[in-house]
Structure formats: structure tokens, C-alpha cells
Amino acid sequence: MRFKWIAHRLAEEHGRDAERARSDAGVILNIELLNDVRLAPVQTDTHRCFVCDESIGLVACWCRC
């Protein structure tokens, strides 16, 4: 339902064609799920990214997660 809602808003409010709206909705939904604290595992080492396990360093990891 969330995917359909995002795609609908992109098409209706932002003028995207249906194919582009669905593609962008998938990306947006993926980002929302990756950023949802309820779905994140317990992070045992806060100096490592829990998505790719790379060292985070001072600011952020270098992966595109």
C-alpha cells in the first residue's frame, strides 16, 4: 500500500509519468525501510555500519547504504 501511495503522489503531485513514478517509488520505499529504526538490527559495534559492516569513521561509511 505504501508503494502505491508514493507512486500515486509522485504522478499526481509532481507530474511524473507512471513508469517513472513506480521506479522512484521503489527507491523511496527502499530508503524509508533502510532508515526505519524498528527494522534495524541491534548494533553491537557502533563504529561499524550495520548494513555493510564497513568502518564508519568520523562521519559515515563509504558504501551507498
C-alpha atoms as a PDB file:
ATOM      1  CA  MET A   1       0.000   0.000   0.000  1.00  0.00           C
ATOM      2  CA  ARG A   2       2.810   2.398   0.837  1.00  0.00           C
ATOM      3  CA  PHE A   3       4.417   1.780  -2.573  1.00  0.00           C
ATOM      4  CA  LYS A   4       1.145   2.554  -4.377  1.00  0.00           C
ATOM      5  CA  TRP A   5       0.613   5.692  -2.284  1.00  0.00           C
ATOM      6  CA  ILE A   6       4.126   7.019  -3.013  1.00  0.00           C
ATOM      7  CA  ALA A   7       3.797   6.264  -6.752  1.00  0.00           C
ATOM      8  CA  HIS A   8       0.380   7.941  -6.860  1.00  0.00           C
ATOM      9  CA  ARG A   9       1.682  11.089  -5.150  1.00  0.00           C
ATOM     10  CA  LEU A  10       4.691  11.272  -7.473  1.00  0.00           C
ATOM     11  CA  ALA A  11       2.430  11.037 -10.508  1.00  0.00           C
ATOM     12  CA  GLU A  12      -0.354  13.308  -9.295  1.00  0.00           C
ATOM     13  CA  GLU A  13       1.501  15.968  -7.334  1.00  0.00           C
ATOM     14  CA  HIS A  14       4.865  16.003  -9.065  1.00  0.00           C
ATOM     15  CA  GLY A  15       3.835  15.233 -12.652  1.00  0.00           C
ATOM     16  CA  ARG A  16       5.902  12.092 -13.141  1.00  0.00           C
ATOM     17  CA  ASP A  17       4.765   9.598 -15.770  1.00  0.00           C
ATOM     18  CA  ALA A  18       3.500   6.271 -14.360  1.00  0.00           C
ATOM     19  CA  GLU A  19       6.657   4.263 -15.152  1.00  0.00           C
ATOM     20  CA  ARG A  20       8.996   6.861 -13.647  1.00  0.00           C
ATOM     21  CA  ALA A  21       6.715   7.250 -10.604  1.00  0.00           C
ATOM     22  CA  ARG A  22       6.832   3.480  -9.928  1.00  0.00           C
ATOM     23  CA  SER A  23      10.610   3.414 -10.330  1.00  0.00           C
ATOM     24  CA  ASP A  24      11.118   6.375  -7.993  1.00  0.00           C
ATOM     25  CA  ALA A  25       8.579   4.979  -5.522  1.00  0.00           C
ATOM     26  CA  GLY A  26      10.649   1.790  -5.258  1.00  0.00           C
ATOM     27  CA  VAL A  27      13.760   3.796  -4.453  1.00  0.00           C
ATOM     28  CA  ILE A  28      11.942   5.960  -1.906  1.00  0.00           C
ATOM     29  CA  LEU A  29      10.345   2.958  -0.199  1.00  0.00           C
ATOM     30  CA  ASN A  30      13.705   1.173  -0.026  1.00  0.00           C
ATOM     31  CA  ILE A  31      15.279   4.212   1.647  1.00  0.00           C
ATOM     32  CA  GLU A  32      12.383   4.505   4.095  1.00  0.00           C
ATOM     33  CA  LEU A  33      12.769   0.851   5.078  1.00  0.00           C
ATOM     34  CA  LEU A  34      16.548   1.129   5.488  1.00  0.00           C
ATOM     35  CA  ASN A  35      16.053   4.162   7.747  1.00  0.00           C
ATOM     36  CA  ASP A  36      13.265   2.624   9.863  1.00  0.00           C
ATOM     37  CA  VAL A  37      14.711   2.123  13.350  1.00  0.00           C
ATOM     38  CA  ARG A  38      12.164  -0.612  14.080  1.00  0.00           C
ATOM     39  CA  LEU A  39      13.684  -2.786  11.331  1.00  0.00           C
ATOM     40  CA  ALA A  40      17.344  -2.189  12.174  1.00  0.00           C
ATOM     41  CA  PRO A  41      19.243  -4.949  13.943  1.00  0.00           C
ATOM     42  CA  VAL A  42      20.866  -4.330  17.292  1.00  0.00           C
ATOM     43  CA  GLN A  43      24.144  -2.644  16.512  1.00  0.00           C
ATOM     44  CA  THR A  44      26.855  -4.346  18.554  1.00  0.00           C
ATOM     45  CA  ASP A  45      29.664  -2.107  17.309  1.00  0.00           C
ATOM     46  CA  THR A  46      28.586   1.490  16.777  1.00  0.00           C
ATOM     47  CA  HIS A  47      31.783   2.196  14.828  1.00  0.00           C
ATOM     48  CA  ARG A  48      30.697  -0.139  12.002  1.00  0.00           C
ATOM     49  CA  CYS A  49      27.833   0.231   9.533  1.00  0.00           C
ATOM     50  CA  PHE A  50      25.142  -2.357  10.309  1.00  0.00           C
ATOM     51  CA  VAL A  51      24.186  -2.606   6.615  1.00  0.00           C
ATOM     52  CA  CYS A  52      27.589  -3.285   5.037  1.00  0.00           C
ATOM     53  CA  ASP A  53      29.796  -3.779   8.155  1.00  0.00           C
ATOM     54  CA  GLU A  54      32.332  -1.211   6.934  1.00  0.00           C
ATOM     55  CA  SER A  55      34.103   1.078   9.380  1.00  0.00           C
ATOM     56  CA  ILE A  56      32.045   4.248   9.787  1.00  0.00           C
ATOM     57  CA  GLY A  57      34.906   6.549  10.664  1.00  0.00           C
ATOM     58  CA  LEU A  58      34.135  10.070  11.793  1.00  0.00           C
ATOM     59  CA  VAL A  59      31.122  10.851   9.607  1.00  0.00           C
ATOM     60  CA  ALA A  60      29.685   7.914   7.657  1.00  0.00           C
ATOM     61  CA  CYS A  61      30.622   4.710   5.895  1.00  0.00           C
ATOM     62  CA  TRP A  62      31.620   4.888   2.255  1.00  0.00           C
ATOM     63  CA  CYS A  63      29.001   2.444   0.979  1.00  0.00           C
ATOM     64  CA  ARG A  64      25.780   3.714  -0.517  1.00  0.00           C
ATOM     65  CA  CYS A  65      23.531   2.168   2.092  1.00  0.00           C
END
